[in-house]
Amino acid sequence: MAAKLINNNTESLADFLRIGDYVRGRWVVHQRIGCGGFGQVFSATDSQNNGAVAIKAEAHNCPYPQLYQEALFLRELHAYAGQHGIPYIPRFYHFGTWGACSYMVTELCGPNMRMLKKSIKKDMFSAFTAFWLMKHMVSAVKTVHDYGYIHRDVKPANFVIGSRDNYGRRFYIIDFGLVKKIRRRTNGRNRFEGTLRYASLGAQRNKDPCLSDDIWSVFYITVENICGQLPWRLLGTKESVDSSKTSCHNSEFANICYPNYRSVPRPLRKVFHYLTSGTFDVERSYSKILNLIDEEIASLGINERTHLLDWEVPLGKSGDQKYVQGAEVREQRHMAAAG
């Protein structure tokens, strides 16, 4: 679990977990590190092993409780995996009640993608970092799908890197309060839940949840990571966002400026084709997408293992020029191949 944006609606939860609280005689609360719509996240120490953990708290009277479902999901996954853990999924330790709230103890993670992007000049990632993130977002979402669930709230704030003591390029997907099992059709009798900016058109039109919904969200996030923002960023209604997304779909996202690219980057162009042509399937499309991303990173002339991600670059030592040069090499190769 990692920090989220501060939301004043959850300010009262500070009364439930205070600095120094000794929750269930085991976890010592240190400080609040973030909060969402109806809950807060605290850093803490496990007194049994001195390990760093995160505690997520939610009020008992929360109008839209999600923490119990999230804990059930994580408990089920870790029951399958045992002590070895699951790639891309934070470790789950405990769920219980404390005072006027429910709480969940998990592995402590680092900053989320939204925070990392905001820390970068111009609020956008380089090509290498954007596609490195896309690769791991797809892999993380695939992990959720492999266990028979759809995440349904894929957004930058729900992807995090490792904790401060062990960034190690560890990458996680979090916040499973809206997960749903992959089930038979419900004839469209659904209520929209999630984040409008990154939701698929199908999801925001209340269609049956499907695996491709999560991939659409990864697609939108990657466009935003490369371009800085999405065309519908400032729109506030489902209707206006639907109209803007539809316009972009009709142009196959060619009406957006992609820095260092002359047109839509090849992985995005191909993924868009998979998602709109009805050819996305569980068995093949994940590996196709991951191969496309690997090819794109290789075409930049960058060693993925050693090249610094944007937030790893020391202050004042930007690698933008190297990315620009890599993009130019890639474009020359593509033009030669086309000729």
Protein backbone atom coordinates (compact mmCIF):
# COMPACT_ATOMS: atom_id res chain seq x y z
CA MET A 1 0.00 0.00 0.00
CA ALA A 2 1.28 3.46 -0.82
CA ALA A 3 0.45 7.10 -0.39
CA LYS A 4 -2.49 8.70 -2.15
CA LEU A 5 -3.70 12.22 -2.61
CA ILE A 6 -5.01 13.95 0.48
CA ASN A 7 -8.79 14.20 0.59
CA ASN A 8 -10.27 16.39 3.31
CA ASN A 9 -13.36 14.17 3.50
CA THR A 10 -11.27 11.56 5.33
CA GLU A 11 -9.59 13.91 7.76
CA SER A 12 -11.58 12.40 10.65
CA LEU A 13 -9.86 9.05 10.19
CA ALA A 14 -6.79 10.57 11.85
CA ASP A 15 -8.73 10.02 15.12
CA PHE A 16 -8.88 6.26 14.52
CA LEU A 17 -5.13 5.69 14.04
CA ARG A 18 -2.79 8.06 15.81
CA ILE A 19 0.98 8.23 15.93
CA GLY A 20 2.13 5.74 18.55
CA ASP A 21 -1.00 3.58 18.47
CA TYR A 22 -0.13 -0.07 19.15
CA VAL A 23 -2.72 -1.81 16.97
CA ARG A 24 -3.64 -5.26 18.28
CA GLY A 25 -0.46 -5.24 20.34
CA ARG A 26 1.66 -5.72 17.22
CA TRP A 27 1.73 -2.82 14.76
CA VAL A 28 3.09 0.55 15.87
CA VAL A 29 1.63 3.45 13.87
CA HIS A 30 4.09 6.14 12.71
CA GLN A 31 2.37 8.63 10.44
CA ARG A 32 -0.34 9.08 7.86
CA ILE A 33 1.17 8.79 4.40
CA GLY A 34 -1.93 9.31 2.29
CA CYS A 35 -5.65 8.87 1.85
CA GLY A 36 -8.36 8.24 -0.71
CA GLY A 37 -12.08 8.80 -0.88
CA PHE A 38 -13.07 7.15 2.40
CA GLY A 39 -9.91 5.74 3.95
CA GLN A 40 -6.39 6.59 5.02
CA VAL A 41 -3.02 4.87 4.81
CA PHE A 42 -0.44 4.89 7.59
CA SER A 43 3.14 3.72 7.82
CA ALA A 44 3.82 1.38 10.73
CA THR A 45 6.27 -1.14 12.15
CA ASP A 46 5.59 -4.79 12.88
CA SER A 47 6.91 -5.26 16.42
CA GLN A 48 7.36 -9.01 15.85
CA ASN A 49 10.05 -8.59 13.19
CA ASN A 50 10.71 -4.82 13.07
CA GLY A 51 9.50 -4.81 9.46
CA ALA A 52 7.93 -1.77 7.77
CA VAL A 53 4.26 -2.18 6.86
CA ALA A 54 1.32 -0.10 5.68
CA ILE A 55 -2.02 0.04 7.48
CA LYS A 56 -5.08 1.07 5.48
CA ALA A 57 -8.06 2.18 7.58
CA GLU A 58 -11.71 2.64 6.64
CA ALA A 59 -14.55 3.92 8.85
CA HIS A 60 -17.23 1.45 9.90
CA ASN A 61 -19.86 3.94 8.71
CA CYS A 62 -18.23 4.40 5.31
CA PRO A 63 -21.04 4.87 2.72
CA TYR A 64 -19.20 2.77 0.12
CA PRO A 65 -17.10 0.21 2.03
CA GLN A 66 -14.42 -1.51 -0.02
CA LEU A 67 -11.71 -2.55 2.42
CA TYR A 68 -13.27 -5.88 3.39
CA GLN A 69 -13.58 -6.93 -0.27
CA GLU A 70 -10.02 -5.82 -0.91
CA ALA A 71 -8.79 -7.88 2.04
CA LEU A 72 -10.74 -10.94 0.86
CA PHE A 73 -9.18 -10.63 -2.59
CA LEU A 74 -5.63 -10.32 -1.26
CA ARG A 75 -6.16 -13.13 1.26
CA GLU A 76 -7.42 -15.43 -1.51
CA LEU A 77 -4.48 -14.68 -3.79
CA HIS A 78 -1.91 -15.17 -1.07
CA ALA A 79 -3.58 -18.41 0.01
CA TYR A 80 -2.78 -19.70 -3.48
CA ALA A 81 0.75 -18.30 -3.53
CA GLY A 82 1.85 -19.21 -0.01
CA GLN A 83 4.90 -17.55 1.51
CA HIS A 84 6.56 -16.86 -1.83
CA GLY A 85 4.24 -13.96 -2.64
CA ILE A 86 2.88 -12.90 -6.02
CA PRO A 87 4.72 -10.67 -8.51
CA TYR A 88 3.13 -7.20 -8.77
CA ILE A 89 0.85 -7.77 -5.74
CA PRO A 90 1.80 -6.33 -2.30
CA ARG A 91 1.99 -8.89 0.49
CA PHE A 92 -1.10 -9.15 2.69
CA TYR A 93 -0.64 -9.66 6.43
CA HIS A 94 -3.85 -9.04 8.38
CA PHE A 95 -7.38 -7.64 8.42
CA GLY A 96 -9.30 -6.61 11.53
CA THR A 97 -11.12 -3.86 13.41
CA TRP A 98 -9.73 -1.15 15.67
CA GLY A 99 -11.97 1.36 17.37
CA ALA A 100 -14.39 2.83 14.83
CA CYS A 101 -12.61 1.54 11.75
CA SER A 102 -11.61 -1.56 9.86
CA TYR A 103 -7.96 -1.90 8.96
CA MET A 104 -5.74 -3.95 6.67
CA VAL A 105 -2.00 -4.51 7.05
CA THR A 106 0.08 -4.98 3.91
CA GLU A 107 3.57 -4.58 2.56
CA LEU A 108 4.75 -0.95 2.58
CA CYS A 109 5.34 0.36 -0.94
CA GLY A 110 6.75 3.59 -2.36
CA PRO A 111 5.34 6.49 -4.41
CA ASN A 112 2.57 5.95 -6.93
CA MET A 113 2.87 6.69 -10.63
CA ARG A 114 0.87 9.89 -10.41
CA MET A 115 3.27 11.28 -7.80
CA LEU A 116 6.29 10.21 -9.85
CA LYS A 117 4.94 11.89 -13.00
CA LYS A 118 4.22 15.11 -11.11
CA SER A 119 7.85 15.16 -9.98
CA ILE A 120 9.15 15.10 -13.56
CA LYS A 121 9.77 18.25 -15.60
CA LYS A 122 6.82 19.06 -17.90
CA ASP A 123 4.70 16.45 -16.11
CA MET A 124 5.42 13.75 -18.69
CA PHE A 125 7.70 10.75 -18.96
CA SER A 126 10.38 10.01 -21.51
CA ALA A 127 9.65 7.35 -24.13
CA PHE A 128 11.74 4.74 -22.31
CA THR A 129 10.13 5.34 -18.93
CA ALA A 130 6.61 5.46 -20.42
CA PHE A 131 7.04 2.12 -22.16
CA TRP A 132 8.84 0.56 -19.19
CA LEU A 133 5.79 1.52 -17.14
CA MET A 134 3.41 0.22 -19.79
CA LYS A 135 5.22 -3.12 -19.81
CA HIS A 136 4.85 -3.53 -16.07
CA MET A 137 1.28 -2.22 -16.00
CA VAL A 138 0.28 -4.87 -18.54
CA SER A 139 2.11 -7.55 -16.53
CA ALA A 140 0.46 -6.41 -13.29
CA VAL A 141 -3.02 -6.36 -14.81
CA LYS A 142 -2.38 -9.79 -16.36
CA THR A 143 -1.55 -11.12 -12.89
CA VAL A 144 -4.96 -9.96 -11.61
CA HIS A 145 -6.66 -11.47 -14.67
CA ASP A 146 -4.81 -14.77 -14.27
CA TYR A 147 -6.48 -15.20 -10.88
CA GLY A 148 -9.89 -14.72 -12.44
CA TYR A 149 -10.54 -11.06 -11.58
CA ILE A 150 -10.95 -7.72 -13.35
CA HIS A 151 -9.45 -4.76 -11.45
CA ARG A 152 -11.92 -2.11 -12.73
CA ASP A 153 -10.04 0.92 -11.36
CA VAL A 154 -6.74 0.96 -13.24
CA LYS A 155 -5.25 4.44 -12.88
CA PRO A 156 -1.82 6.02 -12.15
CA ALA A 157 -2.49 6.33 -8.41
CA ASN A 158 -3.04 2.56 -8.24
CA PHE A 159 0.44 1.64 -9.48
CA VAL A 160 3.37 2.04 -7.11
CA ILE A 161 7.08 1.30 -6.97
CA GLY A 162 9.02 -0.30 -4.12
CA SER A 163 9.51 1.37 -0.76
CA ARG A 164 12.25 3.91 -0.10
CA ASP A 165 14.55 1.27 1.38
CA ASN A 166 14.16 -1.03 -1.61
CA TYR A 167 12.99 0.67 -4.78
CA GLY A 168 14.83 -1.96 -6.81
CA ARG A 169 12.46 -1.28 -9.71
CA ARG A 170 9.79 -3.27 -7.93
CA PHE A 171 6.36 -2.46 -9.31
CA TYR A 172 2.93 -3.14 -7.85
CA ILE A 173 -0.75 -2.72 -8.59
CA ILE A 174 -2.87 -1.77 -5.55
CA ASP A 175 -6.40 -0.90 -4.41
CA PHE A 176 -8.60 -3.91 -5.10
CA GLY A 177 -11.83 -2.63 -3.60
CA LEU A 178 -13.65 -2.71 -6.97
CA VAL A 179 -12.35 -6.06 -8.27
CA LYS A 180 -14.90 -8.41 -9.77
CA LYS A 181 -14.69 -12.05 -10.68
CA ILE A 182 -14.86 -12.80 -14.38
CA ARG A 183 -18.43 -14.04 -14.75
CA ARG A 184 -21.16 -14.61 -17.28
CA ARG A 185 -22.89 -11.66 -18.91
CA THR A 186 -25.37 -9.55 -16.94
CA ASN A 187 -27.20 -8.03 -19.94
CA GLY A 188 -25.75 -4.60 -19.25
CA ARG A 189 -27.31 -4.22 -15.80
CA ASN A 190 -24.24 -2.51 -14.34
CA ARG A 191 -23.46 0.67 -12.46
CA PHE A 192 -20.35 2.60 -13.44
CA GLU A 193 -17.60 2.45 -10.84
CA GLY A 194 -13.99 3.46 -11.19
CA THR A 195 -12.22 6.55 -12.47
CA LEU A 196 -13.86 8.26 -15.44
CA ARG A 197 -10.65 9.63 -16.94
CA TYR A 198 -9.14 6.17 -17.45
CA ALA A 199 -12.25 4.02 -17.84
CA SER A 200 -12.96 2.26 -21.11
CA LEU A 201 -15.92 3.46 -23.14
CA GLY A 202 -17.61 0.14 -22.44
CA ALA A 203 -17.21 0.51 -18.69
CA GLN A 204 -18.51 4.08 -18.56
CA ARG A 205 -21.45 3.04 -20.74
CA ASN A 206 -22.34 0.43 -18.09
CA LYS A 207 -21.54 -2.58 -20.26
CA ASP A 208 -20.50 -5.91 -18.78
CA PRO A 209 -16.99 -5.76 -17.29
CA CYS A 210 -14.36 -7.52 -19.39
CA LEU A 211 -10.60 -8.05 -19.38
CA SER A 212 -10.02 -5.49 -22.11
CA ASP A 213 -11.43 -2.73 -19.85
CA ASP A 214 -8.24 -2.86 -17.76
CA ILE A 215 -6.05 -2.85 -20.88
CA TRP A 216 -7.90 0.20 -22.22
CA SER A 217 -7.03 1.96 -18.97
CA VAL A 218 -3.36 1.03 -19.40
CA PHE A 219 -3.56 2.38 -22.95
CA TYR A 220 -4.99 5.74 -21.79
CA ILE A 221 -2.42 6.02 -19.00
CA THR A 222 0.42 5.42 -21.45
CA VAL A 223 -0.89 8.09 -23.82
CA GLU A 224 -1.02 10.47 -20.86
CA ASN A 225 2.48 9.49 -19.70
CA ILE A 226 3.95 10.27 -23.13
CA CYS A 227 1.88 13.36 -23.96
CA GLY A 228 1.51 14.87 -20.51
CA GLN A 229 -2.27 14.86 -20.44
CA LEU A 230 -5.35 13.37 -22.08
CA PRO A 231 -7.68 15.48 -24.25
CA TRP A 232 -10.58 14.93 -21.83
CA ARG A 233 -8.57 15.79 -18.70
CA LEU A 234 -10.61 18.90 -17.82
CA LEU A 235 -14.02 17.51 -18.78
CA GLY A 236 -16.32 16.76 -15.87
CA THR A 237 -19.32 14.81 -17.17
CA LYS A 238 -19.66 11.27 -18.52
CA GLU A 239 -21.23 12.66 -21.68
CA SER A 240 -18.42 15.11 -22.48
CA VAL A 241 -15.70 12.56 -21.68
CA ASP A 242 -17.51 9.97 -23.82
CA SER A 243 -17.63 12.43 -26.73
CA SER A 244 -13.91 13.26 -26.45
CA LYS A 245 -12.87 9.62 -26.19
CA THR A 246 -15.06 8.72 -29.16
CA SER A 247 -13.43 11.48 -31.22
CA CYS A 248 -9.98 10.12 -30.35
CA HIS A 249 -11.09 6.58 -31.17
CA ASN A 250 -12.40 7.71 -34.56
CA SER A 251 -9.03 9.25 -35.40
CA GLU A 252 -7.19 6.21 -33.91
CA PHE A 253 -5.52 8.68 -31.52
CA ALA A 254 -3.63 10.33 -34.38
CA ASN A 255 -5.03 13.75 -33.40
CA ILE A 256 -2.73 13.90 -30.35
CA CYS A 257 0.83 15.21 -30.27
CA TYR A 258 3.38 12.61 -29.16
CA PRO A 259 6.71 14.29 -28.22
CA ASN A 260 9.68 12.72 -30.06
CA TYR A 261 7.30 10.81 -32.36
CA ARG A 262 6.00 11.79 -35.77
CA SER A 263 2.84 9.76 -35.28
CA VAL A 264 1.21 7.35 -32.84
CA PRO A 265 3.95 5.13 -31.32
CA ARG A 266 3.83 1.63 -32.77
CA PRO A 267 2.92 -0.21 -29.52
CA LEU A 268 -0.03 2.12 -28.97
CA ARG A 269 -1.14 1.82 -32.58
CA LYS A 270 -1.05 -1.98 -32.38
CA VAL A 271 -2.75 -2.18 -28.98
CA PHE A 272 -5.50 0.13 -30.24
CA HIS A 273 -5.99 -2.28 -33.15
CA TYR A 274 -6.18 -5.30 -30.82
CA LEU A 275 -8.74 -3.59 -28.60
CA THR A 276 -10.99 -2.28 -31.38
CA SER A 277 -10.86 -5.20 -33.80
CA GLY A 278 -12.20 -7.76 -31.35
CA THR A 279 -8.94 -9.74 -31.44
CA PHE A 280 -8.00 -9.24 -27.78
CA ASP A 281 -7.93 -12.60 -26.07
CA VAL A 282 -6.47 -13.94 -22.86
CA GLU A 283 -4.14 -16.45 -24.45
CA ARG A 284 -2.30 -14.32 -27.00
CA SER A 285 -2.70 -10.57 -26.67
CA TYR A 286 -0.72 -10.06 -23.45
CA SER A 287 2.43 -11.59 -24.93
CA LYS A 288 1.91 -9.68 -28.18
CA ILE A 289 1.70 -6.39 -26.30
CA LEU A 290 4.74 -7.16 -24.15
CA ASN A 291 6.76 -8.11 -27.24
CA LEU A 292 5.77 -4.85 -28.94
CA ILE A 293 6.96 -2.88 -25.91
CA ASP A 294 10.27 -4.76 -25.78
CA GLU A 295 10.82 -4.03 -29.47
CA GLU A 296 10.07 -0.34 -28.94
CA ILE A 297 12.52 -0.07 -26.04
CA ALA A 298 15.18 -1.88 -28.07
CA SER A 299 14.61 0.49 -31.00
CA LEU A 300 15.52 3.40 -28.70
CA GLY A 301 19.02 1.96 -28.41
CA ILE A 302 18.65 1.72 -24.62
CA ASN A 303 19.74 -1.02 -22.24
CA GLU A 304 16.61 -1.59 -20.17
CA ARG A 305 18.50 -3.06 -17.22
CA THR A 306 20.97 -0.22 -16.77
CA HIS A 307 19.31 2.90 -18.20
CA LEU A 308 17.85 5.19 -15.55
CA LEU A 309 14.13 5.72 -15.29
CA ASP A 310 13.07 9.36 -15.12
CA TRP A 311 12.71 9.45 -11.32
CA GLU A 312 16.11 7.75 -10.94
CA VAL A 313 17.97 10.47 -12.86
CA PRO A 314 19.92 12.74 -10.43
CA LEU A 315 18.61 16.30 -10.33
CA GLY A 316 20.13 18.37 -13.11
CA LYS A 317 21.22 15.33 -15.15
CA SER A 318 18.29 14.82 -17.44
CA GLY A 319 18.51 12.12 -20.07
CA ASP A 320 16.03 13.80 -22.41
CA GLN A 321 18.60 14.28 -25.19
CA LYS A 322 19.40 10.60 -25.22
CA TYR A 323 15.72 9.77 -25.55
CA VAL A 324 15.37 12.25 -28.42
CA GLN A 325 18.31 10.68 -30.22
CA GLY A 326 16.84 7.20 -29.70
CA ALA A 327 13.52 8.35 -31.09
CA GLU A 328 15.24 9.73 -34.18
CA VAL A 329 17.04 6.42 -34.76
CA ARG A 330 13.75 4.55 -34.40
CA GLU A 331 11.96 6.82 -36.88
CA GLN A 332 14.74 6.38 -39.45
CA ARG A 333 14.49 2.60 -39.15
CA HIS A 334 10.72 2.64 -39.53
CA MET A 335 10.91 4.94 -42.56
CA ALA A 336 13.53 2.70 -44.17
CA ALA A 337 11.38 -0.37 -43.55
CA ALA A 338 8.34 1.39 -45.02
CA GLY A 339 10.30 2.35 -48.09
